[in-house]
Amino acid sequence: MNRIGKIFVLLGMFFLLTGCGGSGDNSTSPSTPAPMSVEVETINDDDSTLWDHTNIIYGADDPNRQWLNIHLAYDQTTPSPIYLFAHGNGGSANGMNEKELNAIAIEGYTVISWESIPTINNGEDLAIGLADVQVMFDWVRANADTYNVDPDFIVVGGRSRGSIISWQLAHSGHPSIKGIYMYNALPRGAWQDTDAWSPVDEVTVDSPTTYLVYGPDFDDDDGHNPMYVDPVVERYEALGIGDRMTRYVDMWGDFQDGNGSWTNDGQIMHYFPEFVASLDGVDNTPVTGYNTLFMGHSFFAPIARQIPFHMTQLGIDGHSQHVESSPGETGAPLALWEDEGHRNKVQAILNTGQVNLLGMTASPTSEGYTLWIDYALSKNPNTKIVIGTPWLDFPADYSDAVSYENTITDGLNSKIKIDIDALRVLYPDVEIISLPYAFAAIELRHMFETGQLPEVTELVGNDRRTSIFADQKGHGHGNGLLLDLAEFIWISHIYDVNLDTYEYSAGHNVDLKEVANTILDRYAYYFD
């Protein structure tokens, strides 16, 4: 049986054994044990007038089940981030109250409360819920413009039952999911048979900032006792992402009176403002692909050709590219302009008006830059420009890493950086990115000479696994150590990819993503 099948069987049984209430998990007092049966939510706040848009159908299967409500953020000047909410067992997508909605909307978030099977009692119900969450998620992203929401900044939320059917999506690694805020999440029954499935299995190093907030305290005899989520908290710590996990407990004791009524303004969303503040360090700008045109020589083109691979690994849509290459000096910008065949091919692509990133290799003359930039901007006024500086050829001609580095930095300081700064003055409204990926070769050579590359036995050699350079001229290996490191530098600096959360490793004995981050930090002056 596959993992999803096991989840269906296990949780179908779970919902028959343990209460997973929505308002039941709110109204049960701390001193009253949760009943060992399906706990149906009593809705006291089922007011559809609180919503800006109601009963919107998101799926084609069953309009009586697949619908959602939208409560817009108060600030509508820009597309707002999204809070997805799934209710507790027996509840309804109408069942958020004014105080909860206000606590979210005042922070600039639009609430999308979505419906599926209201009460899950068996594996078939659960299967439908797990399918619906993906249909809903895809619908929300596809219709973001209609409701002025940001499809690339989503927080996944829910309570009790809602936390379970949303848990896999929350940890799916989709780049648009920036955080998790859940109430009474993953109750007792979610842990009935962890050999078949455990919520811990969904947690990865890419799991987002997470707030799990609870009504009961640790000593309360309740099916939603926060101790049940201990394995998840421990998993975050074990993966080195403990700083992304926050758990608050005893909200009933802190914010309810003797009658079980909430005394705080935000009710179960009390900690949402703090949660939002914790996301200040999260990059709200999604990693996006570009319609890209790269042109250069054999120290440039092999890296450029690998960019689509990384876009696929990252799950990034919308990236397309063309690489125009020519060997040696004929791959310089001016040489490509003066070659009629290359110029016609590149201009035909630029003439589409769809190119939003133009990458060129560094050149001893700036004339080629301006010819191409002028032409590109005439057809594509919002084009970004990348100028990539490669490593020097014939690396064995330099006695050591220090002399190799000094020669490259001398060239950067005396010519290339000056030219790039001049281009920025000439084109003040154009983003011009300096990409001196030559530092990949410099850093690897330093590491080789200090014994930090145990797999590398020679500077230049035919075996890509045991050398930095493939031949005396200094070509990097296809898929070898040097090119892999250069690729990480490219995707981080051009596309703002967070290498700390990028799962692909390239399979070497050294952490090339860490090396790339070190290079970008140590030589930031040249990448500026």
Protein backbone atom coordinates (compact mmCIF):
# COMPACT_ATOMS: atom_id res chain seq x y z
CA MET A 1 0.00 0.00 0.00
CA ASN A 2 1.42 3.41 -0.89
CA ARG A 3 1.82 6.18 1.67
CA ILE A 4 -1.34 8.04 0.66
CA GLY A 5 -3.36 4.83 0.84
CA LYS A 6 -2.06 4.19 4.34
CA ILE A 7 -3.05 7.69 5.36
CA PHE A 8 -6.58 7.12 4.13
CA VAL A 9 -6.95 3.87 6.08
CA LEU A 10 -5.35 5.18 9.25
CA LEU A 11 -7.16 8.47 9.41
CA GLY A 12 -10.46 6.96 8.39
CA MET A 13 -10.19 4.93 11.59
CA PHE A 14 -8.82 7.89 13.52
CA PHE A 15 -11.86 10.09 13.00
CA LEU A 16 -14.06 7.37 14.39
CA LEU A 17 -11.94 7.08 17.52
CA THR A 18 -11.05 10.60 18.52
CA GLY A 19 -12.79 13.94 18.60
CA CYS A 20 -11.50 16.47 16.10
CA GLY A 21 -13.83 19.32 16.75
CA GLY A 22 -13.77 22.81 15.42
CA SER A 23 -15.79 24.93 17.79
CA GLY A 24 -15.92 21.84 19.96
CA ASP A 25 -12.17 22.24 20.33
CA ASN A 26 -12.86 25.83 21.30
CA SER A 27 -15.85 25.47 23.61
CA THR A 28 -14.68 22.40 25.55
CA SER A 29 -13.37 23.78 28.82
CA PRO A 30 -9.84 22.90 29.93
CA SER A 31 -11.17 20.75 32.73
CA THR A 32 -13.49 18.66 30.54
CA PRO A 33 -11.96 15.75 28.60
CA ALA A 34 -12.78 15.70 24.90
CA PRO A 35 -15.32 12.97 24.13
CA MET A 36 -13.92 9.91 22.37
CA SER A 37 -16.17 10.25 19.36
CA VAL A 38 -16.51 12.52 16.38
CA GLU A 39 -16.96 15.95 17.87
CA VAL A 40 -19.33 18.03 15.75
CA GLU A 41 -18.75 21.76 15.76
CA THR A 42 -21.45 24.03 17.10
CA ILE A 43 -21.39 27.14 14.92
CA ASN A 44 -22.21 30.35 16.74
CA ASP A 45 -20.64 32.63 14.17
CA ASP A 46 -22.06 31.27 10.92
CA ASP A 47 -22.62 34.71 9.40
CA SER A 48 -22.17 34.90 5.65
CA THR A 49 -22.59 38.69 5.74
CA LEU A 50 -19.08 39.02 7.17
CA TRP A 51 -17.56 37.94 3.86
CA ASP A 52 -16.84 40.07 0.80
CA HIS A 53 -17.41 37.14 -1.55
CA THR A 54 -19.40 34.02 -0.65
CA ASN A 55 -20.15 30.57 -2.03
CA ILE A 56 -17.58 30.75 -4.82
CA ILE A 57 -17.26 27.40 -6.56
CA TYR A 58 -13.64 26.27 -6.84
CA GLY A 59 -14.09 22.73 -8.19
CA ALA A 60 -16.04 20.90 -10.86
CA ASP A 61 -16.88 17.82 -8.80
CA ASP A 62 -19.58 18.97 -6.36
CA PRO A 63 -20.67 22.61 -5.99
CA ASN A 64 -22.36 21.77 -2.70
CA ARG A 65 -18.98 20.75 -1.30
CA GLN A 66 -16.33 22.66 -3.27
CA TRP A 67 -16.97 26.27 -2.37
CA LEU A 68 -15.19 29.03 -0.51
CA ASN A 69 -15.63 32.47 1.03
CA ILE A 70 -13.28 35.44 0.74
CA HIS A 71 -12.75 38.23 3.28
CA LEU A 72 -10.52 40.88 1.72
CA ALA A 73 -7.60 42.57 3.41
CA TYR A 74 -8.39 46.10 4.51
CA ASP A 75 -5.50 47.51 2.51
CA GLN A 76 -6.32 47.01 -1.16
CA THR A 77 -3.62 49.23 -2.64
CA THR A 78 -1.56 46.19 -3.67
CA PRO A 79 -2.29 42.46 -4.01
CA SER A 80 -2.49 41.05 -0.50
CA PRO A 81 -0.99 37.85 0.90
CA ILE A 82 -3.44 35.01 1.49
CA TYR A 83 -4.48 33.10 4.60
CA LEU A 84 -6.12 29.77 3.72
CA PHE A 85 -8.39 28.47 6.49
CA ALA A 86 -9.90 24.99 6.87
CA HIS A 87 -12.49 24.60 9.63
CA GLY A 88 -12.81 21.92 12.30
CA ASN A 89 -14.90 18.75 12.13
CA GLY A 90 -18.59 19.44 11.67
CA GLY A 91 -18.06 23.13 11.01
CA SER A 92 -18.47 25.27 7.93
CA ALA A 93 -16.41 27.64 5.82
CA ASN A 94 -18.80 30.33 7.07
CA GLY A 95 -17.72 29.70 10.63
CA MET A 96 -15.11 32.37 11.27
CA ASN A 97 -16.28 35.29 13.36
CA GLU A 98 -15.77 39.00 12.97
CA LYS A 99 -12.98 39.25 15.55
CA GLU A 100 -10.96 36.50 13.91
CA LEU A 101 -11.41 37.95 10.44
CA ASN A 102 -10.52 41.42 11.69
CA ALA A 103 -7.31 40.17 13.31
CA ILE A 104 -6.19 38.78 9.97
CA ALA A 105 -7.41 41.54 7.65
CA ILE A 106 -5.87 44.32 9.72
CA GLU A 107 -2.49 42.66 9.15
CA GLY A 108 -2.97 43.01 5.40
CA TYR A 109 -4.06 39.43 4.66
CA THR A 110 -7.05 38.22 2.68
CA VAL A 111 -8.81 35.23 4.27
CA ILE A 112 -9.99 32.40 2.04
CA SER A 113 -12.07 29.93 4.06
CA TRP A 114 -12.71 26.83 2.01
CA GLU A 115 -15.20 23.99 2.26
CA SER A 116 -14.87 20.28 1.61
CA ILE A 117 -16.38 17.36 3.53
CA PRO A 118 -17.66 19.16 6.68
CA THR A 119 -17.19 16.13 8.91
CA ILE A 120 -14.69 13.42 8.12
CA ASN A 121 -15.76 10.03 9.43
CA ASN A 122 -13.93 7.54 7.23
CA GLY A 123 -11.14 7.04 4.75
CA GLU A 124 -13.29 7.93 1.77
CA ASP A 125 -14.17 11.29 3.35
CA LEU A 126 -10.52 11.97 4.05
CA ALA A 127 -9.51 11.11 0.49
CA ILE A 128 -11.97 13.69 -0.78
CA GLY A 129 -10.64 16.31 1.64
CA LEU A 130 -7.04 15.72 0.58
CA ALA A 131 -8.01 15.98 -3.08
CA ASP A 132 -10.07 19.11 -2.50
CA VAL A 133 -7.24 21.00 -0.83
CA GLN A 134 -5.13 20.74 -3.98
CA VAL A 135 -8.02 21.71 -6.26
CA MET A 136 -8.73 24.70 -4.02
CA PHE A 137 -5.05 25.72 -3.92
CA ASP A 138 -4.76 25.61 -7.71
CA TRP A 139 -7.98 27.59 -8.12
CA VAL A 140 -6.85 30.30 -5.71
CA ARG A 141 -3.55 30.81 -7.51
CA ALA A 142 -5.21 30.81 -10.94
CA ASN A 143 -7.81 33.41 -9.89
CA ALA A 144 -5.56 35.65 -7.80
CA ASP A 145 -5.86 38.69 -10.06
CA THR A 146 -9.65 38.66 -9.83
CA TYR A 147 -9.54 39.16 -6.06
CA ASN A 148 -6.38 41.29 -5.82
CA VAL A 149 -4.41 38.67 -3.91
CA ASP A 150 -0.80 37.58 -4.23
CA PRO A 151 -0.60 33.98 -5.50
CA ASP A 152 3.03 33.79 -4.44
CA PHE A 153 2.54 34.59 -0.75
CA ILE A 154 0.26 32.12 0.99
CA VAL A 155 -0.10 31.07 4.62
CA VAL A 156 -1.78 27.71 5.26
CA GLY A 157 -4.10 27.55 8.26
CA GLY A 158 -6.85 25.56 9.89
CA ARG A 159 -8.08 24.04 13.11
CA SER A 160 -8.13 20.40 14.18
CA ARG A 161 -9.65 18.54 11.18
CA GLY A 162 -8.61 21.43 8.99
CA SER A 163 -4.99 21.13 10.10
CA ILE A 164 -4.89 17.47 9.07
CA ILE A 165 -6.28 17.86 5.56
CA SER A 166 -4.01 20.90 5.03
CA TRP A 167 -0.82 19.44 6.55
CA GLN A 168 0.63 17.92 3.39
CA LEU A 169 0.01 21.07 1.36
CA ALA A 170 1.59 23.18 4.09
CA HIS A 171 4.81 21.14 3.87
CA SER A 172 4.74 20.51 0.12
CA GLY A 173 7.65 22.84 -0.52
CA HIS A 174 5.63 24.91 -2.99
CA PRO A 175 7.48 28.25 -3.26
CA SER A 176 4.32 30.27 -2.68
CA ILE A 177 3.74 28.82 0.80
CA LYS A 178 5.48 31.13 3.26
CA GLY A 179 4.05 30.06 6.61
CA ILE A 180 1.66 27.95 8.71
CA TYR A 181 -0.70 29.25 11.42
CA MET A 182 -2.98 26.57 12.92
CA TYR A 183 -5.15 26.18 16.00
CA ASN A 184 -5.37 22.88 17.92
CA ALA A 185 -3.43 21.20 15.15
CA LEU A 186 -2.75 17.47 14.80
CA PRO A 187 -4.82 16.12 17.69
CA ARG A 188 -4.42 12.76 19.40
CA GLY A 189 -5.84 10.60 16.63
CA ALA A 190 -3.26 11.81 14.12
CA TRP A 191 -0.70 9.75 16.04
CA GLN A 192 -2.60 6.43 16.29
CA ASP A 193 -0.26 4.51 13.96
CA THR A 194 2.89 6.39 13.08
CA ASP A 195 4.30 3.32 11.33
CA ALA A 196 1.66 3.82 8.66
CA TRP A 197 1.92 7.60 8.56
CA SER A 198 3.22 10.31 10.80
CA PRO A 199 2.81 14.08 10.36
CA VAL A 200 6.53 14.23 11.12
CA ASP A 201 7.23 12.59 7.76
CA GLU A 202 5.95 15.68 5.95
CA VAL A 203 8.38 18.05 7.70
CA THR A 204 11.52 18.87 5.70
CA VAL A 205 14.30 21.44 5.81
CA ASP A 206 12.10 23.52 3.51
CA SER A 207 9.14 23.59 5.90
CA PRO A 208 8.06 27.20 6.44
CA THR A 209 7.73 29.33 9.56
CA THR A 210 5.08 27.64 11.70
CA TYR A 211 2.87 28.79 14.57
CA LEU A 212 0.84 26.06 16.29
CA VAL A 213 -1.44 27.54 18.96
CA TYR A 214 -3.55 25.54 21.40
CA GLY A 215 -6.55 26.00 23.66
CA PRO A 216 -5.57 23.34 26.23
CA ASP A 217 -2.44 23.25 28.35
CA PHE A 218 -0.03 20.33 28.66
CA ASP A 219 -1.75 18.96 31.77
CA ASP A 220 -5.27 19.04 30.30
CA ASP A 221 -6.91 15.72 29.47
CA ASP A 222 -7.99 16.74 25.99
CA GLY A 223 -7.69 15.24 22.53
CA HIS A 224 -6.05 18.47 21.39
CA ASN A 225 -3.37 18.51 24.09
CA PRO A 226 -0.32 20.32 22.66
CA MET A 227 1.95 17.48 23.77
CA TYR A 228 0.73 15.45 20.79
CA VAL A 229 2.67 17.72 18.46
CA ASP A 230 5.96 17.22 20.36
CA PRO A 231 7.36 14.98 17.57
CA VAL A 232 6.83 17.75 15.04
CA VAL A 233 8.58 20.31 17.26
CA GLU A 234 11.45 17.86 17.75
CA ARG A 235 11.68 17.28 14.00
CA TYR A 236 12.08 21.00 13.36
CA GLU A 237 14.92 21.06 15.90
CA ALA A 238 16.61 17.99 14.42
CA LEU A 239 16.59 19.54 10.96
CA GLY A 240 18.17 22.73 12.27
CA ILE A 241 15.05 24.80 11.62
CA GLY A 242 13.85 25.05 15.21
CA ASP A 243 13.75 28.83 14.87
CA ARG A 244 10.84 28.41 12.43
CA MET A 245 8.61 26.66 14.99
CA THR A 246 6.57 28.45 17.66
CA ARG A 247 4.04 26.71 19.90
CA TYR A 248 1.68 28.54 22.24
CA VAL A 249 -0.49 26.65 24.74
CA ASP A 250 -3.28 27.28 27.29
CA MET A 251 -5.18 29.88 25.30
CA TRP A 252 -8.30 28.72 27.13
CA GLY A 253 -6.69 29.55 30.45
CA ASP A 254 -5.28 32.85 29.22
CA PHE A 255 -8.14 34.17 27.10
CA GLN A 256 -11.42 32.56 28.20
CA ASP A 257 -13.67 33.40 31.12
CA GLY A 258 -15.42 30.91 33.38
CA ASN A 259 -18.18 30.41 30.81
CA GLY A 260 -15.75 29.47 28.04
CA SER A 261 -16.16 32.79 26.21
CA TRP A 262 -13.17 34.46 24.64
CA THR A 263 -12.00 37.66 26.33
CA ASN A 264 -9.31 38.66 23.81
CA ASP A 265 -9.84 40.58 20.58
CA GLY A 266 -8.48 38.07 18.10
CA GLN A 267 -9.74 34.89 19.77
CA ILE A 268 -7.91 31.94 18.12
CA MET A 269 -6.08 34.44 15.88
CA HIS A 270 -4.59 36.19 18.91
CA TYR A 271 -1.01 35.42 17.87
CA PHE A 272 -1.51 36.14 14.17
CA PRO A 273 0.04 39.66 14.32
CA GLU A 274 3.14 38.21 15.98
CA PHE A 275 3.24 35.46 13.37
CA VAL A 276 3.04 38.02 10.56
CA ALA A 277 5.91 39.96 12.13
CA SER A 278 7.97 36.76 12.14
CA LEU A 279 7.59 36.61 8.36
CA ASP A 280 9.27 39.99 7.90
CA GLY A 281 12.48 38.16 7.05
CA VAL A 282 10.74 36.02 4.44
CA ASP A 283 11.27 37.19 0.89
CA ASN A 284 7.83 38.17 -0.35
CA THR A 285 9.08 38.27 -3.91
CA PRO A 286 8.73 34.87 -5.55
CA VAL A 287 11.55 33.31 -7.47
CA THR A 288 10.53 33.68 -11.08
CA GLY A 289 11.87 32.55 -14.36
CA TYR A 290 12.51 34.89 -17.23
CA ASN A 291 12.28 34.90 -20.97
CA THR A 292 16.04 34.92 -21.15
CA LEU A 293 18.66 35.36 -23.85
CA PHE A 294 22.21 34.36 -22.95
CA MET A 295 25.13 34.83 -25.33
CA GLY A 296 28.77 34.02 -24.79
CA HIS A 297 31.66 31.59 -25.18
CA SER A 298 32.53 28.16 -23.80
CA PHE A 299 33.31 29.51 -20.32
CA PHE A 300 29.79 30.97 -20.22
CA ALA A 301 27.35 28.95 -22.32
CA PRO A 302 27.63 25.59 -20.45
CA ILE A 303 26.48 27.26 -17.24
CA ALA A 304 23.68 29.11 -18.99
CA ARG A 305 22.39 25.87 -20.49
CA GLN A 306 21.89 24.41 -17.01
CA ILE A 307 19.56 27.16 -15.78
CA PRO A 308 16.37 25.42 -17.04
CA PHE A 309 17.35 22.32 -15.05
CA HIS A 310 17.46 24.37 -11.85
CA MET A 311 14.19 26.11 -12.66
CA THR A 312 12.58 22.67 -12.97
CA GLN A 313 14.12 21.50 -9.70
CA LEU A 314 12.73 24.60 -8.00
CA GLY A 315 9.26 24.09 -9.44
CA ILE A 316 9.40 27.48 -11.14
CA ASP A 317 7.14 28.08 -14.09
CA GLY A 318 7.51 30.69 -16.78
CA HIS A 319 11.20 30.28 -17.59
CA SER A 320 12.27 30.09 -21.22
CA GLN A 321 15.65 30.83 -22.71
CA HIS A 322 17.92 30.76 -25.73
CA VAL A 323 21.70 30.43 -25.55
CA GLU A 324 23.70 31.87 -28.43
CA SER A 325 27.27 30.63 -28.21
CA SER A 326 30.48 31.02 -30.14
CA PRO A 327 33.96 29.86 -29.08
CA GLY A 328 36.63 32.04 -27.51
CA GLU A 329 36.82 35.67 -28.50
CA THR A 330 34.06 35.20 -31.07
CA GLY A 331 31.64 34.86 -28.16
CA ALA A 332 32.29 38.41 -26.91
CA PRO A 333 29.42 40.89 -27.31
CA LEU A 334 31.06 42.98 -30.03
CA ALA A 335 32.14 39.90 -32.00
CA LEU A 336 28.61 38.51 -31.90
CA TRP A 337 27.25 41.85 -33.09
CA GLU A 338 29.70 41.99 -35.99
CA ASP A 339 28.95 38.43 -37.08
CA GLU A 340 25.89 38.72 -39.31
CA GLY A 341 24.65 35.20 -38.63
CA HIS A 342 24.77 35.52 -34.85
CA ARG A 343 23.41 39.07 -34.93
CA ASN A 344 20.41 38.09 -37.05
CA LYS A 345 19.53 35.17 -34.77
CA VAL A 346 19.80 37.23 -31.60
CA GLN A 347 17.93 40.21 -33.03
CA ALA A 348 15.11 37.94 -34.20
CA ILE A 349 14.61 36.85 -30.60
CA LEU A 350 14.82 40.40 -29.28
CA ASN A 351 12.32 41.50 -31.92
CA THR A 352 9.63 39.45 -30.20
CA GLY A 353 9.54 42.04 -27.43
CA GLN A 354 9.30 39.21 -24.89
CA VAL A 355 12.89 39.10 -23.62
CA ASN A 356 13.20 40.36 -20.05
CA LEU A 357 16.76 39.27 -19.27
CA LEU A 358 19.81 39.58 -21.53
CA GLY A 359 23.04 37.98 -20.36
CA MET A 360 26.44 38.63 -21.94
CA THR A 361 29.98 37.61 -21.16
CA ALA A 362 32.41 40.27 -19.99
CA SER A 363 34.49 41.92 -22.69
CA PRO A 364 37.61 44.09 -22.95
CA THR A 365 35.58 46.65 -24.88
CA SER A 366 32.31 48.25 -23.79
CA GLU A 367 31.14 48.97 -27.34
CA GLY A 368 29.52 45.57 -27.65
CA TYR A 369 27.59 46.11 -24.44
CA THR A 370 26.02 49.34 -25.61
CA LEU A 371 25.15 48.04 -29.07
CA TRP A 372 23.25 45.11 -27.61
CA ILE A 373 21.69 47.02 -24.74
CA ASP A 374 20.43 49.77 -27.05
CA TYR A 375 18.89 47.24 -29.40
CA ALA A 376 17.42 45.12 -26.61
CA LEU A 377 15.81 48.12 -24.90
CA SER A 378 14.34 49.37 -28.16
CA LYS A 379 12.32 46.16 -28.38
CA ASN A 380 12.13 45.17 -24.70
CA PRO A 381 12.15 48.32 -22.54
CA ASN A 382 12.08 46.43 -19.23
CA THR A 383 14.97 44.10 -19.96
CA LYS A 384 17.47 43.33 -17.21
CA ILE A 385 21.12 43.03 -18.18
CA VAL A 386 23.62 40.51 -16.82
CA ILE A 387 27.36 40.76 -17.46
CA GLY A 388 29.19 37.61 -16.46
CA THR A 389 32.93 37.56 -15.78
CA PRO A 390 34.47 34.09 -16.27
CA TRP A 391 37.66 32.62 -14.81
CA LEU A 392 40.95 33.03 -16.65
CA ASP A 393 42.11 30.40 -19.09
CA PHE A 394 45.34 28.42 -18.75
CA PRO A 395 45.08 28.24 -14.95
CA ALA A 396 48.25 26.16 -14.62
CA ASP A 397 50.26 29.18 -15.83
CA TYR A 398 49.63 30.80 -12.44
CA SER A 399 51.82 29.57 -9.62
CA ASP A 400 49.10 29.41 -6.99
CA ALA A 401 45.60 30.51 -6.05
CA VAL A 402 46.79 33.88 -4.78
CA SER A 403 48.40 34.87 -8.08
CA TYR A 404 45.38 33.56 -9.98
CA GLU A 405 43.01 35.59 -7.79
CA ASN A 406 45.12 38.74 -7.95
CA THR A 407 45.20 38.67 -11.74
CA ILE A 408 41.43 38.29 -11.96
CA THR A 409 40.64 40.97 -9.37
CA ASP A 410 43.10 43.34 -11.05
CA GLY A 411 41.11 42.95 -14.26
CA LEU A 412 37.84 43.49 -12.45
CA ASN A 413 39.08 46.61 -10.69
CA SER A 414 40.85 48.18 -13.66
CA LYS A 415 38.32 47.47 -16.39
CA ILE A 416 35.22 45.35 -15.91
CA LYS A 417 33.80 46.96 -12.78
CA ILE A 418 34.52 50.41 -14.19
CA ASP A 419 32.66 49.54 -17.40
CA ILE A 420 29.66 48.16 -15.52
CA ASP A 421 29.45 51.25 -13.32
CA ALA A 422 29.63 53.41 -16.45
CA LEU A 423 26.78 51.45 -18.02
CA ARG A 424 24.67 52.06 -14.93
CA VAL A 425 25.22 55.78 -15.36
CA LEU A 426 24.40 55.55 -19.06
CA TYR A 427 21.26 53.49 -18.41
CA PRO A 428 20.00 54.70 -15.01
CA ASP A 429 16.61 52.99 -15.31
CA VAL A 430 18.01 49.59 -16.25
CA GLU A 431 18.99 46.90 -13.75
CA ILE A 432 22.50 45.79 -14.65
CA ILE A 433 23.73 42.75 -12.72
CA SER A 434 27.44 42.13 -12.25
CA LEU A 435 28.13 38.39 -12.20
CA PRO A 436 31.85 37.66 -11.60
CA TYR A 437 31.48 33.89 -11.38
CA ALA A 438 35.25 33.70 -11.86
CA PHE A 439 35.34 33.53 -8.08
CA ALA A 440 34.06 29.95 -8.35
CA ALA A 441 37.40 28.91 -9.84
CA ILE A 442 39.33 31.10 -7.41
CA GLU A 443 37.64 29.65 -4.34
CA LEU A 444 37.95 26.05 -5.50
CA ARG A 445 41.64 26.56 -6.20
CA HIS A 446 42.17 27.99 -2.70
CA MET A 447 40.30 25.02 -1.23
CA PHE A 448 42.31 22.56 -3.32
CA GLU A 449 45.63 24.02 -2.21
CA THR A 450 44.60 23.92 1.45
CA GLY A 451 43.36 20.33 1.32
CA GLN A 452 39.66 21.11 1.57
CA LEU A 453 38.73 19.14 -1.56
CA PRO A 454 39.59 15.52 -0.74
CA GLU A 455 38.06 14.22 -3.96
CA VAL A 456 40.24 16.49 -6.11
CA THR A 457 43.75 15.19 -6.80
CA GLU A 458 44.92 17.55 -9.55
CA LEU A 459 44.25 21.07 -10.75
CA VAL A 460 43.92 20.08 -14.42
CA GLY A 461 42.90 16.61 -15.57
CA ASN A 462 40.62 14.55 -17.75
CA ASP A 463 38.55 13.10 -14.90
CA ARG A 464 35.84 15.54 -13.91
CA ARG A 465 35.55 13.87 -10.50
CA THR A 466 39.17 14.45 -9.48
CA SER A 467 40.15 17.78 -11.09
CA ILE A 468 38.92 21.36 -11.16
CA PHE A 469 39.72 22.11 -14.80
CA ALA A 470 39.23 19.73 -17.72
CA ASP A 471 42.15 20.82 -19.87
CA GLN A 472 45.09 23.17 -19.97
CA LYS A 473 42.96 25.98 -21.36
CA GLY A 474 40.78 25.79 -18.28
CA HIS A 475 37.40 24.67 -19.49
CA GLY A 476 35.11 23.60 -16.70
CA HIS A 477 33.64 20.13 -16.72
CA GLY A 478 30.08 19.59 -17.85
CA ASN A 479 28.31 18.75 -14.57
CA GLY A 480 31.69 18.93 -12.84
CA LEU A 481 32.68 20.65 -9.62
CA LEU A 482 33.50 24.02 -11.18
CA LEU A 483 30.43 24.33 -13.35
CA ASP A 484 28.13 23.12 -10.57
CA LEU A 485 29.48 25.79 -8.23
CA ALA A 486 29.14 28.45 -10.93
CA GLU A 487 25.53 27.40 -11.51
CA PHE A 488 24.69 27.88 -7.84
CA ILE A 489 26.23 31.37 -7.99
CA TRP A 490 24.21 32.21 -11.08
CA ILE A 491 20.82 31.09 -9.77
CA SER A 492 21.39 32.81 -6.43
CA HIS A 493 22.60 36.12 -7.82
CA ILE A 494 20.40 36.41 -10.92
CA TYR A 495 17.21 34.72 -9.71
CA ASP A 496 17.44 35.32 -5.93
CA VAL A 497 17.24 31.59 -5.20
CA ASN A 498 17.76 30.86 -1.50
CA LEU A 499 20.47 28.21 -1.61
CA ASP A 500 19.90 27.34 2.05
CA THR A 501 16.48 25.92 1.21
CA TYR A 502 17.25 24.57 -2.28
CA GLU A 503 17.26 20.77 -1.97
CA TYR A 504 19.40 19.93 -5.02
CA SER A 505 23.02 19.31 -3.93
CA ALA A 506 24.87 18.28 -7.16
CA GLY A 507 26.23 15.21 -5.38
CA HIS A 508 29.75 16.27 -4.40
CA ASN A 509 31.59 15.63 -1.14
CA VAL A 510 31.73 19.36 -0.49
CA ASP A 511 28.66 21.54 0.11
CA LEU A 512 28.82 23.71 -3.01
CA LYS A 513 25.80 25.76 -1.96
CA GLU A 514 27.61 26.77 1.21
CA VAL A 515 30.70 27.60 -0.86
CA ALA A 516 28.57 29.71 -3.22
CA ASN A 517 27.08 31.64 -0.30
CA THR A 518 30.59 32.23 1.06
CA ILE A 519 31.72 33.59 -2.30
CA LEU A 520 28.73 35.90 -2.63
CA ASP A 521 29.35 37.24 0.87
CA ARG A 522 33.14 37.50 0.77
CA TYR A 523 33.29 39.12 -2.66
CA ALA A 524 30.08 41.12 -2.39
CA TYR A 525 31.89 44.24 -3.59
CA TYR A 526 32.39 42.69 -7.02
CA PHE A 527 28.85 41.35 -7.23
CA ASP A 528 27.38 44.75 -6.40
